[in-house]
């Protein structure tokens, strides 16, 4: 039965969104992005790429966006409409980014701030009650990240970020998560 279930899962083709957040085309993150795209396409999945630096994605919220952030279904998404469309249609997201200062790059934070917004990724109930997920198509999410420091120097400061991500992402999506660390220590 396990083999049958595995075959069914592997035969399911998904619409994947690969989000790259690194400015250098010769970087390890660029290589890993290309490798992820190749592997997904080889498996038959359709892939869209969101290269934030190559697209000159503006990470800063505009004044209008900030004013409309908690307005009921009135968030101004005009400037990020293509990114919102790709997010809503994705069944799997692969984030590729370096870990800088114990977190992801500001451009990726800005992508979350401007694209994963109320009315798109989630809804607030009246009076800022519990968050209701909206990304019902999203089945899988993977983060591929690099860290350029020795284990001894970063072991404690890095621990909180998976916890933070788990809390914020689980609030906006209907999925479970598994952390699969790959370390060369």
N, C-alpha and C. Protein backbone atom coordinates (compact mmCIF):
# COMPACT_ATOMS: atom_id res chain seq x y z
N UNK A 1 0.82 -1.20 0.00
CA UNK A 1 0.00 0.00 0.00
C UNK A 1 0.86 1.26 0.00
N UNK A 2 1.96 1.24 0.72
CA UNK A 2 2.85 2.40 0.77
C UNK A 2 3.41 2.71 -0.61
N UNK A 3 3.74 1.65 -1.39
CA UNK A 3 4.28 1.86 -2.73
C UNK A 3 3.22 2.48 -3.64
N UNK A 4 1.99 2.03 -3.52
CA UNK A 4 0.90 2.60 -4.33
C UNK A 4 0.71 4.07 -3.99
N UNK A 5 0.70 4.39 -2.71
CA UNK A 5 0.53 5.78 -2.28
C UNK A 5 1.68 6.64 -2.79
N UNK A 6 2.91 6.11 -2.74
CA UNK A 6 4.08 6.84 -3.21
C UNK A 6 3.98 7.11 -4.71
N UNK A 7 3.54 6.12 -5.47
CA UNK A 7 3.39 6.30 -6.91
C UNK A 7 2.35 7.37 -7.22
N UNK A 8 1.23 7.33 -6.50
CA UNK A 8 0.18 8.33 -6.74
C UNK A 8 0.69 9.73 -6.44
N UNK A 9 1.41 9.90 -5.33
CA UNK A 9 1.94 11.22 -4.98
C UNK A 9 2.94 11.69 -6.01
N UNK A 10 3.83 10.80 -6.46
CA UNK A 10 4.86 11.21 -7.40
C UNK A 10 4.29 11.49 -8.78
N UNK A 11 3.13 10.92 -9.10
CA UNK A 11 2.54 11.17 -10.41
C UNK A 11 1.71 12.45 -10.44
N UNK A 12 1.51 13.06 -9.29
CA UNK A 12 0.75 14.30 -9.23
C UNK A 12 1.64 15.46 -9.67
N UNK A 13 1.29 16.11 -10.75
CA UNK A 13 2.09 17.21 -11.27
C UNK A 13 1.55 18.52 -10.72
N UNK A 14 2.46 19.35 -10.25
CA UNK A 14 2.06 20.59 -9.58
C UNK A 14 2.56 21.82 -10.34
N UNK A 15 1.88 22.91 -10.06
CA UNK A 15 2.32 24.22 -10.52
C UNK A 15 3.21 24.79 -9.42
N UNK A 16 4.49 24.95 -9.72
CA UNK A 16 5.48 25.34 -8.72
C UNK A 16 5.95 26.78 -8.94
N UNK A 17 6.12 27.49 -7.86
CA UNK A 17 6.67 28.84 -7.88
C UNK A 17 8.01 28.79 -7.17
N UNK A 18 9.08 29.12 -7.90
CA UNK A 18 10.42 29.17 -7.32
C UNK A 18 10.77 30.64 -7.12
N UNK A 19 11.02 31.02 -5.88
CA UNK A 19 11.34 32.41 -5.53
C UNK A 19 12.81 32.50 -5.14
N UNK A 20 13.56 33.25 -5.92
CA UNK A 20 15.00 33.42 -5.66
C UNK A 20 15.24 34.82 -5.11
N UNK A 21 16.04 34.89 -4.02
CA UNK A 21 16.33 36.18 -3.39
C UNK A 21 17.85 36.31 -3.20
N UNK A 22 18.57 36.47 -4.29
CA UNK A 22 20.02 36.70 -4.22
C UNK A 22 20.41 37.57 -5.41
N UNK A 23 21.23 38.61 -5.18
CA UNK A 23 21.56 39.54 -6.27
C UNK A 23 22.60 39.06 -7.27
N UNK A 24 23.39 38.05 -6.94
CA UNK A 24 24.50 37.65 -7.80
C UNK A 24 24.16 36.42 -8.65
N UNK A 25 24.29 36.55 -9.97
CA UNK A 25 23.97 35.41 -10.83
C UNK A 25 24.95 34.24 -10.68
N UNK A 26 26.16 34.49 -10.17
CA UNK A 26 27.16 33.42 -10.01
C UNK A 26 27.17 32.83 -8.60
N UNK A 27 26.18 33.16 -7.79
CA UNK A 27 26.14 32.72 -6.39
C UNK A 27 25.71 31.26 -6.26
N UNK A 28 25.97 30.71 -5.08
CA UNK A 28 25.49 29.37 -4.76
C UNK A 28 23.96 29.33 -4.84
N UNK A 29 23.30 30.38 -4.38
CA UNK A 29 21.82 30.42 -4.44
C UNK A 29 21.33 30.37 -5.88
N UNK A 30 22.03 31.02 -6.79
CA UNK A 30 21.64 30.96 -8.21
C UNK A 30 21.79 29.55 -8.75
N UNK A 31 22.90 28.90 -8.39
CA UNK A 31 23.10 27.51 -8.80
C UNK A 31 21.99 26.62 -8.23
N UNK A 32 21.70 26.77 -6.95
CA UNK A 32 20.66 25.96 -6.31
C UNK A 32 19.29 26.22 -6.92
N UNK A 33 19.03 27.48 -7.30
CA UNK A 33 17.77 27.82 -7.97
C UNK A 33 17.65 27.07 -9.29
N UNK A 34 18.71 27.14 -10.10
CA UNK A 34 18.69 26.45 -11.39
C UNK A 34 18.54 24.94 -11.22
N UNK A 35 19.19 24.41 -10.20
CA UNK A 35 19.09 22.97 -9.93
C UNK A 35 17.67 22.59 -9.52
N UNK A 36 17.06 23.39 -8.66
CA UNK A 36 15.68 23.13 -8.24
C UNK A 36 14.73 23.19 -9.44
N UNK A 37 14.90 24.20 -10.28
CA UNK A 37 14.05 24.33 -11.47
C UNK A 37 14.22 23.11 -12.37
N UNK A 38 15.46 22.73 -12.60
CA UNK A 38 15.74 21.56 -13.45
C UNK A 38 15.08 20.30 -12.89
N UNK A 39 15.24 20.06 -11.60
CA UNK A 39 14.66 18.86 -10.98
C UNK A 39 13.13 18.87 -11.05
N UNK A 40 12.53 20.01 -10.81
CA UNK A 40 11.07 20.10 -10.87
C UNK A 40 10.56 19.87 -12.29
N UNK A 41 11.21 20.51 -13.27
CA UNK A 41 10.79 20.34 -14.66
C UNK A 41 11.03 18.91 -15.15
N UNK A 42 12.15 18.31 -14.73
CA UNK A 42 12.43 16.93 -15.10
C UNK A 42 11.36 15.99 -14.57
N UNK A 43 10.83 16.31 -13.39
CA UNK A 43 9.76 15.50 -12.80
C UNK A 43 8.40 15.78 -13.45
N UNK A 44 8.34 16.76 -14.35
CA UNK A 44 7.10 17.05 -15.07
C UNK A 44 6.27 18.18 -14.51
N UNK A 45 6.74 18.81 -13.44
CA UNK A 45 6.00 19.92 -12.85
C UNK A 45 6.16 21.17 -13.71
N UNK A 46 5.15 22.04 -13.70
CA UNK A 46 5.29 23.34 -14.36
C UNK A 46 5.91 24.30 -13.35
N UNK A 47 6.81 25.15 -13.82
CA UNK A 47 7.58 26.01 -12.93
C UNK A 47 7.52 27.46 -13.40
N UNK A 48 7.20 28.34 -12.46
CA UNK A 48 7.33 29.77 -12.67
C UNK A 48 8.41 30.26 -11.72
N UNK A 49 9.20 31.22 -12.20
CA UNK A 49 10.31 31.72 -11.40
C UNK A 49 10.07 33.18 -11.04
N UNK A 50 10.26 33.46 -9.78
CA UNK A 50 10.16 34.83 -9.25
C UNK A 50 11.58 35.19 -8.78
N UNK A 51 12.38 35.81 -9.67
CA UNK A 51 13.74 36.23 -9.31
C UNK A 51 13.65 37.68 -8.85
N UNK A 52 13.58 37.87 -7.56
CA UNK A 52 13.25 39.19 -7.00
C UNK A 52 14.26 40.27 -7.39
N UNK A 53 15.53 39.97 -7.37
CA UNK A 53 16.54 40.97 -7.75
C UNK A 53 16.52 41.23 -9.25
N UNK A 54 16.44 40.19 -10.06
CA UNK A 54 16.42 40.36 -11.52
C UNK A 54 15.19 41.16 -11.97
N UNK A 55 14.08 41.03 -11.22
CA UNK A 55 12.85 41.75 -11.56
C UNK A 55 12.80 43.13 -10.92
N UNK A 56 13.86 43.52 -10.21
CA UNK A 56 13.88 44.80 -9.49
C UNK A 56 12.66 44.95 -8.60
N UNK A 57 12.33 43.88 -7.90
CA UNK A 57 11.18 43.92 -6.99
C UNK A 57 11.43 44.97 -5.91
N UNK A 58 10.45 45.83 -5.71
CA UNK A 58 10.55 46.88 -4.69
C UNK A 58 10.02 46.29 -3.38
N UNK A 59 10.91 46.18 -2.40
CA UNK A 59 10.56 45.52 -1.15
C UNK A 59 9.77 46.41 -0.19
N UNK A 60 9.84 47.71 -0.37
CA UNK A 60 9.19 48.63 0.58
C UNK A 60 7.70 48.77 0.31
N UNK A 61 6.93 48.72 1.39
CA UNK A 61 5.50 49.01 1.28
C UNK A 61 5.31 50.46 0.87
N UNK A 62 4.35 50.71 -0.01
CA UNK A 62 4.02 52.09 -0.34
C UNK A 62 3.12 52.65 0.77
N UNK A 63 2.95 53.93 0.78
CA UNK A 63 2.07 54.55 1.78
C UNK A 63 0.64 54.04 1.63
N UNK A 64 0.17 53.94 0.38
CA UNK A 64 -1.20 53.45 0.14
C UNK A 64 -1.35 52.00 0.60
N UNK A 65 -0.33 51.18 0.35
CA UNK A 65 -0.40 49.78 0.78
C UNK A 65 -0.48 49.70 2.30
N UNK A 66 0.33 50.48 2.98
CA UNK A 66 0.34 50.43 4.45
C UNK A 66 -0.99 50.90 5.03
N UNK A 67 -1.55 51.98 4.44
CA UNK A 67 -2.84 52.48 4.93
C UNK A 67 -3.96 51.45 4.71
N UNK A 68 -3.83 50.65 3.67
CA UNK A 68 -4.90 49.70 3.35
C UNK A 68 -4.65 48.30 3.92
N UNK A 69 -3.57 48.11 4.65
CA UNK A 69 -3.16 46.78 5.08
C UNK A 69 -4.24 46.03 5.86
N UNK A 70 -4.93 46.69 6.75
CA UNK A 70 -5.95 46.00 7.54
C UNK A 70 -7.38 46.38 7.13
N UNK A 71 -7.53 47.10 6.05
CA UNK A 71 -8.87 47.41 5.55
C UNK A 71 -9.47 46.12 5.00
N UNK A 72 -10.72 45.88 5.27
CA UNK A 72 -11.36 44.64 4.87
C UNK A 72 -11.41 44.54 3.35
N UNK A 73 -10.66 43.58 2.80
CA UNK A 73 -10.62 43.29 1.37
C UNK A 73 -10.32 44.52 0.51
N UNK A 74 -9.57 45.46 1.03
CA UNK A 74 -9.26 46.66 0.25
C UNK A 74 -7.77 46.88 0.10
N UNK A 75 -6.96 45.87 0.33
CA UNK A 75 -5.52 46.05 0.21
C UNK A 75 -5.17 46.39 -1.24
N UNK A 76 -4.32 47.36 -1.41
CA UNK A 76 -3.91 47.82 -2.74
C UNK A 76 -2.85 46.88 -3.31
N UNK A 77 -3.25 45.96 -4.17
CA UNK A 77 -2.32 45.01 -4.76
C UNK A 77 -1.93 45.34 -6.19
N UNK A 78 -2.33 46.50 -6.68
CA UNK A 78 -2.09 46.83 -8.07
C UNK A 78 -0.61 46.72 -8.46
N UNK A 79 0.28 47.21 -7.60
CA UNK A 79 1.70 47.22 -7.94
C UNK A 79 2.34 45.85 -7.86
N UNK A 80 1.71 44.91 -7.18
CA UNK A 80 2.25 43.56 -7.05
C UNK A 80 1.28 42.51 -7.60
N UNK A 81 0.39 42.93 -8.47
CA UNK A 81 -0.63 42.02 -9.01
C UNK A 81 -0.04 40.77 -9.67
N UNK A 82 1.03 40.87 -10.48
CA UNK A 82 1.59 39.65 -11.07
C UNK A 82 2.12 38.67 -10.01
N UNK A 83 2.74 39.20 -8.97
CA UNK A 83 3.26 38.34 -7.90
C UNK A 83 2.11 37.68 -7.13
N UNK A 84 1.06 38.42 -6.89
CA UNK A 84 -0.11 37.88 -6.19
C UNK A 84 -0.74 36.76 -7.03
N UNK A 85 -0.86 36.98 -8.33
CA UNK A 85 -1.43 35.97 -9.22
C UNK A 85 -0.61 34.69 -9.18
N UNK A 86 0.72 34.82 -9.23
CA UNK A 86 1.58 33.63 -9.18
C UNK A 86 1.47 32.92 -7.83
N UNK A 87 1.40 33.69 -6.75
CA UNK A 87 1.25 33.09 -5.42
C UNK A 87 -0.05 32.31 -5.32
N UNK A 88 -1.14 32.90 -5.75
CA UNK A 88 -2.45 32.25 -5.64
C UNK A 88 -2.57 30.99 -6.49
N UNK A 89 -1.85 30.93 -7.59
CA UNK A 89 -1.95 29.76 -8.45
C UNK A 89 -0.96 28.65 -8.08
N UNK A 90 0.00 28.95 -7.22
CA UNK A 90 1.03 27.96 -6.87
C UNK A 90 0.48 26.84 -5.99
N UNK A 91 0.88 25.63 -6.31
CA UNK A 91 0.58 24.47 -5.47
C UNK A 91 1.80 24.10 -4.62
N UNK A 92 2.96 24.58 -5.05
CA UNK A 92 4.20 24.37 -4.30
C UNK A 92 5.06 25.61 -4.46
N UNK A 93 5.73 25.99 -3.39
CA UNK A 93 6.65 27.13 -3.43
C UNK A 93 8.01 26.65 -2.96
N UNK A 94 9.03 27.05 -3.71
CA UNK A 94 10.41 26.80 -3.32
C UNK A 94 11.08 28.15 -3.15
N UNK A 95 11.50 28.45 -1.92
CA UNK A 95 12.22 29.69 -1.63
C UNK A 95 13.71 29.38 -1.63
N UNK A 96 14.48 30.16 -2.38
CA UNK A 96 15.93 29.99 -2.41
C UNK A 96 16.55 31.32 -2.02
N UNK A 97 17.31 31.31 -0.91
CA UNK A 97 17.85 32.56 -0.38
C UNK A 97 19.04 32.28 0.53
N UNK A 98 19.91 33.26 0.69
CA UNK A 98 20.98 33.11 1.67
C UNK A 98 20.47 33.53 3.05
N UNK A 99 21.08 33.00 4.09
CA UNK A 99 20.78 33.46 5.44
C UNK A 99 21.76 34.57 5.76
N UNK A 100 21.26 35.79 5.86
CA UNK A 100 22.10 36.95 6.16
C UNK A 100 21.66 37.49 7.51
N UNK A 101 22.59 37.72 8.40
CA UNK A 101 22.28 38.24 9.73
C UNK A 101 21.17 37.44 10.39
N UNK A 102 21.24 36.13 10.28
CA UNK A 102 20.33 35.18 10.94
C UNK A 102 18.90 35.25 10.43
N UNK A 103 18.70 35.72 9.22
CA UNK A 103 17.37 35.78 8.63
C UNK A 103 17.47 35.82 7.12
N UNK A 104 16.35 35.99 6.46
CA UNK A 104 16.40 36.07 5.01
C UNK A 104 16.62 37.51 4.55
N UNK A 105 17.03 37.71 3.30
CA UNK A 105 17.30 39.06 2.79
C UNK A 105 16.07 39.96 2.85
N UNK A 106 16.31 41.24 2.96
CA UNK A 106 15.23 42.23 3.06
C UNK A 106 14.27 42.15 1.87
N UNK A 107 14.79 41.83 0.70
CA UNK A 107 13.93 41.77 -0.48
C UNK A 107 12.90 40.64 -0.35
N UNK A 108 13.29 39.54 0.28
CA UNK A 108 12.34 38.45 0.51
C UNK A 108 11.33 38.82 1.59
N UNK A 109 11.79 39.49 2.63
CA UNK A 109 10.88 40.00 3.67
C UNK A 109 9.86 40.95 3.04
N UNK A 110 10.34 41.81 2.13
CA UNK A 110 9.44 42.73 1.43
C UNK A 110 8.44 41.99 0.55
N UNK A 111 8.87 40.89 -0.07
CA UNK A 111 7.95 40.08 -0.88
C UNK A 111 6.84 39.53 0.00
N UNK A 112 7.20 39.03 1.19
CA UNK A 112 6.16 38.56 2.12
C UNK A 112 5.26 39.72 2.54
N UNK A 113 5.85 40.87 2.89
CA UNK A 113 5.06 42.03 3.35
C UNK A 113 4.09 42.54 2.29
N UNK A 114 4.50 42.52 1.02
CA UNK A 114 3.69 43.12 -0.03
C UNK A 114 2.80 42.13 -0.77
N UNK A 115 3.14 40.85 -0.76
CA UNK A 115 2.39 39.86 -1.54
C UNK A 115 1.54 38.95 -0.66
N UNK A 116 2.05 38.53 0.48
CA UNK A 116 1.31 37.67 1.41
C UNK A 116 0.50 38.57 2.35
N UNK A 117 -0.49 39.21 1.82
CA UNK A 117 -1.21 40.26 2.55
C UNK A 117 -2.63 39.82 2.90
N UNK A 118 -3.26 40.56 3.82
CA UNK A 118 -4.67 40.29 4.12
C UNK A 118 -5.50 40.37 2.85
N UNK A 119 -6.42 39.44 2.69
CA UNK A 119 -7.24 39.39 1.49
C UNK A 119 -6.62 38.56 0.39
N UNK A 120 -5.34 38.23 0.52
CA UNK A 120 -4.64 37.39 -0.46
C UNK A 120 -4.21 36.09 0.22
N UNK A 121 -3.30 36.18 1.18
CA UNK A 121 -2.79 34.99 1.86
C UNK A 121 -3.64 34.60 3.06
N UNK A 122 -4.32 35.55 3.64
CA UNK A 122 -5.13 35.28 4.83
C UNK A 122 -6.15 36.40 5.01
N UNK A 123 -7.09 36.14 5.90
CA UNK A 123 -8.08 37.14 6.29
C UNK A 123 -8.08 37.24 7.81
N UNK A 124 -8.30 38.45 8.28
CA UNK A 124 -8.53 38.66 9.71
C UNK A 124 -10.03 38.59 9.95
N UNK A 125 -10.41 38.06 11.08
CA UNK A 125 -11.82 38.15 11.45
C UNK A 125 -12.05 39.55 12.00
N UNK A 126 -13.31 39.90 12.21
CA UNK A 126 -13.64 41.20 12.78
C UNK A 126 -12.87 41.43 14.08
N UNK A 127 -12.51 42.65 14.33
CA UNK A 127 -11.79 43.03 15.54
C UNK A 127 -10.45 42.30 15.66
N UNK A 128 -9.83 42.02 14.49
CA UNK A 128 -8.52 41.37 14.44
C UNK A 128 -8.50 40.03 15.18
N UNK A 129 -9.54 39.26 14.97
CA UNK A 129 -9.62 37.93 15.57
C UNK A 129 -8.67 36.96 14.89
N UNK A 130 -8.93 35.68 15.02
CA UNK A 130 -8.03 34.68 14.44
C UNK A 130 -7.87 34.85 12.93
N UNK A 131 -6.70 34.51 12.46
CA UNK A 131 -6.41 34.58 11.03
C UNK A 131 -7.03 33.37 10.33
N UNK A 132 -7.63 33.62 9.18
CA UNK A 132 -8.23 32.56 8.36
C UNK A 132 -7.38 32.38 7.10
N UNK A 133 -6.87 31.18 6.85
CA UNK A 133 -6.02 30.95 5.67
C UNK A 133 -6.77 31.10 4.37
N UNK A 134 -6.07 31.57 3.34
CA UNK A 134 -6.66 31.71 2.01
C UNK A 134 -5.88 30.97 0.93
N UNK A 135 -4.66 30.55 1.23
CA UNK A 135 -3.84 29.89 0.20
C UNK A 135 -4.18 28.41 0.14
N UNK A 136 -5.39 28.12 -0.30
CA UNK A 136 -5.90 26.75 -0.28
C UNK A 136 -5.27 25.87 -1.35
N UNK A 137 -4.71 26.45 -2.41
CA UNK A 137 -4.04 25.66 -3.45
C UNK A 137 -2.66 25.19 -3.01
N UNK A 138 -2.06 25.90 -2.09
CA UNK A 138 -0.67 25.64 -1.70
C UNK A 138 -0.58 24.37 -0.86
N UNK A 139 0.10 23.36 -1.42
CA UNK A 139 0.21 22.06 -0.76
C UNK A 139 1.59 21.82 -0.15
N UNK A 140 2.62 22.40 -0.75
CA UNK A 140 3.99 22.14 -0.31
C UNK A 140 4.79 23.43 -0.34
N UNK A 141 5.73 23.50 0.59
CA UNK A 141 6.64 24.65 0.63
C UNK A 141 8.01 24.16 1.06
N UNK A 142 9.03 24.64 0.37
CA UNK A 142 10.39 24.23 0.64
C UNK A 142 11.27 25.48 0.68
N UNK A 143 12.14 25.55 1.66
CA UNK A 143 13.11 26.64 1.74
C UNK A 143 14.50 26.05 1.56
N UNK A 144 15.24 26.57 0.60
CA UNK A 144 16.62 26.18 0.38
C UNK A 144 17.45 27.41 0.72
N UNK A 145 18.29 27.29 1.72
CA UNK A 145 19.05 28.44 2.16
C UNK A 145 20.50 28.08 2.39
N UNK A 146 21.35 29.08 2.29
CA UNK A 146 22.77 28.88 2.55
C UNK A 146 23.15 29.73 3.75
N UNK A 147 24.18 29.29 4.44
CA UNK A 147 24.64 30.00 5.62
C UNK A 147 26.16 29.96 5.59
N UNK A 148 26.79 31.12 5.55
CA UNK A 148 28.24 31.18 5.40
C UNK A 148 28.98 31.41 6.69
N UNK A 149 28.75 30.58 7.69
CA UNK A 149 29.46 30.71 8.94
C UNK A 149 29.65 29.33 9.56
N UNK A 150 30.54 29.25 10.51
CA UNK A 150 30.76 28.00 11.20
C UNK A 150 29.60 27.70 12.14
N UNK A 151 29.35 26.43 12.37
CA UNK A 151 28.25 26.01 13.24
C UNK A 151 28.37 26.60 14.64
N UNK A 152 29.58 26.56 15.19
CA UNK A 152 29.78 27.03 16.55
C UNK A 152 29.36 28.50 16.71
N UNK A 153 29.58 29.30 15.69
CA UNK A 153 29.28 30.72 15.78
C UNK A 153 27.82 31.09 15.60
N UNK A 154 27.03 30.19 15.02
CA UNK A 154 25.65 30.55 14.71
C UNK A 154 24.60 29.62 15.31
N UNK A 155 24.99 28.62 16.03
CA UNK A 155 24.03 27.60 16.49
C UNK A 155 22.89 28.19 17.30
N UNK A 156 23.16 29.03 18.26
CA UNK A 156 22.08 29.56 19.10
C UNK A 156 21.25 30.64 18.42
N UNK A 157 21.85 31.65 17.79
CA UNK A 157 21.01 32.69 17.18
C UNK A 157 20.11 32.19 16.07
N UNK A 158 20.46 31.12 15.38
CA UNK A 158 19.65 30.64 14.26
C UNK A 158 18.42 29.86 14.72
N UNK A 159 18.45 29.30 15.90
CA UNK A 159 17.35 28.45 16.36
C UNK A 159 15.97 29.08 16.27
N UNK A 160 15.77 30.36 16.63
CA UNK A 160 14.39 30.88 16.62
C UNK A 160 13.74 31.01 15.24
N UNK A 161 14.50 31.13 14.14
CA UNK A 161 13.82 31.43 12.88
C UNK A 161 12.91 30.33 12.37
N UNK A 162 13.22 29.04 12.49
CA UNK A 162 12.22 28.05 12.06
C UNK A 162 10.94 28.13 12.87
N UNK A 163 11.05 28.46 14.13
CA UNK A 163 9.87 28.58 14.98
C UNK A 163 9.01 29.75 14.50
N UNK A 164 9.64 30.88 14.21
CA UNK A 164 8.92 32.05 13.71
C UNK A 164 8.25 31.75 12.38
N UNK A 165 8.98 31.15 11.47
CA UNK A 165 8.41 30.81 10.17
C UNK A 165 7.27 29.83 10.31
N UNK A 166 7.42 28.84 11.15
CA UNK A 166 6.37 27.85 11.34
C UNK A 166 5.08 28.52 11.80
N UNK A 167 5.18 29.39 12.78
CA UNK A 167 4.00 30.07 13.30
C UNK A 167 3.36 30.92 12.21
N UNK A 168 4.13 31.76 11.52
CA UNK A 168 3.54 32.67 10.54
C UNK A 168 3.04 31.93 9.31
N UNK A 169 3.75 30.92 8.83
CA UNK A 169 3.30 30.21 7.64
C UNK A 169 2.12 29.29 7.93
N UNK A 170 2.10 28.65 9.08
CA UNK A 170 0.98 27.77 9.40
C UNK A 170 -0.30 28.57 9.55
N UNK A 171 -0.20 29.83 9.94
CA UNK A 171 -1.40 30.66 10.07
C UNK A 171 -2.01 30.98 8.72
N UNK A 172 -1.20 31.00 7.65
CA UNK A 172 -1.71 31.42 6.36
C UNK A 172 -1.97 30.28 5.40
N UNK A 173 -1.58 29.07 5.73
CA UNK A 173 -1.72 27.97 4.79
C UNK A 173 -2.36 26.76 5.45
N UNK A 174 -2.85 25.89 4.62
CA UNK A 174 -3.45 24.64 5.09
C UNK A 174 -2.49 23.51 4.76
N UNK A 175 -1.42 23.38 5.50
CA UNK A 175 -0.44 22.33 5.24
C UNK A 175 0.35 22.03 6.49
N UNK A 176 0.98 20.89 6.46
CA UNK A 176 1.89 20.54 7.55
C UNK A 176 3.31 20.77 7.06
N UNK A 177 4.26 20.83 7.99
CA UNK A 177 5.62 21.11 7.60
C UNK A 177 6.57 20.07 8.16
N UNK A 178 7.67 19.89 7.44
CA UNK A 178 8.77 19.06 7.89
C UNK A 178 10.05 19.85 7.66
N UNK A 179 10.92 19.89 8.63
CA UNK A 179 12.22 20.53 8.48
C UNK A 179 13.22 19.45 8.13
N UNK A 180 13.87 19.62 6.99
CA UNK A 180 14.86 18.66 6.54
C UNK A 180 16.20 19.38 6.39
N UNK A 181 16.94 19.52 7.47
CA UNK A 181 18.19 20.26 7.40
C UNK A 181 19.25 19.49 6.63
N UNK A 182 19.96 20.19 5.78
CA UNK A 182 21.09 19.63 5.07
C UNK A 182 22.30 20.45 5.50
N UNK A 183 23.21 19.80 6.19
CA UNK A 183 24.36 20.51 6.72
C UNK A 183 25.64 19.84 6.28
N UNK A 184 26.65 20.64 6.04
CA UNK A 184 27.96 20.13 5.70
C UNK A 184 28.92 20.54 6.81
N UNK A 185 28.64 20.07 8.05
CA UNK A 185 29.47 20.44 9.19
C UNK A 185 30.30 19.27 9.66
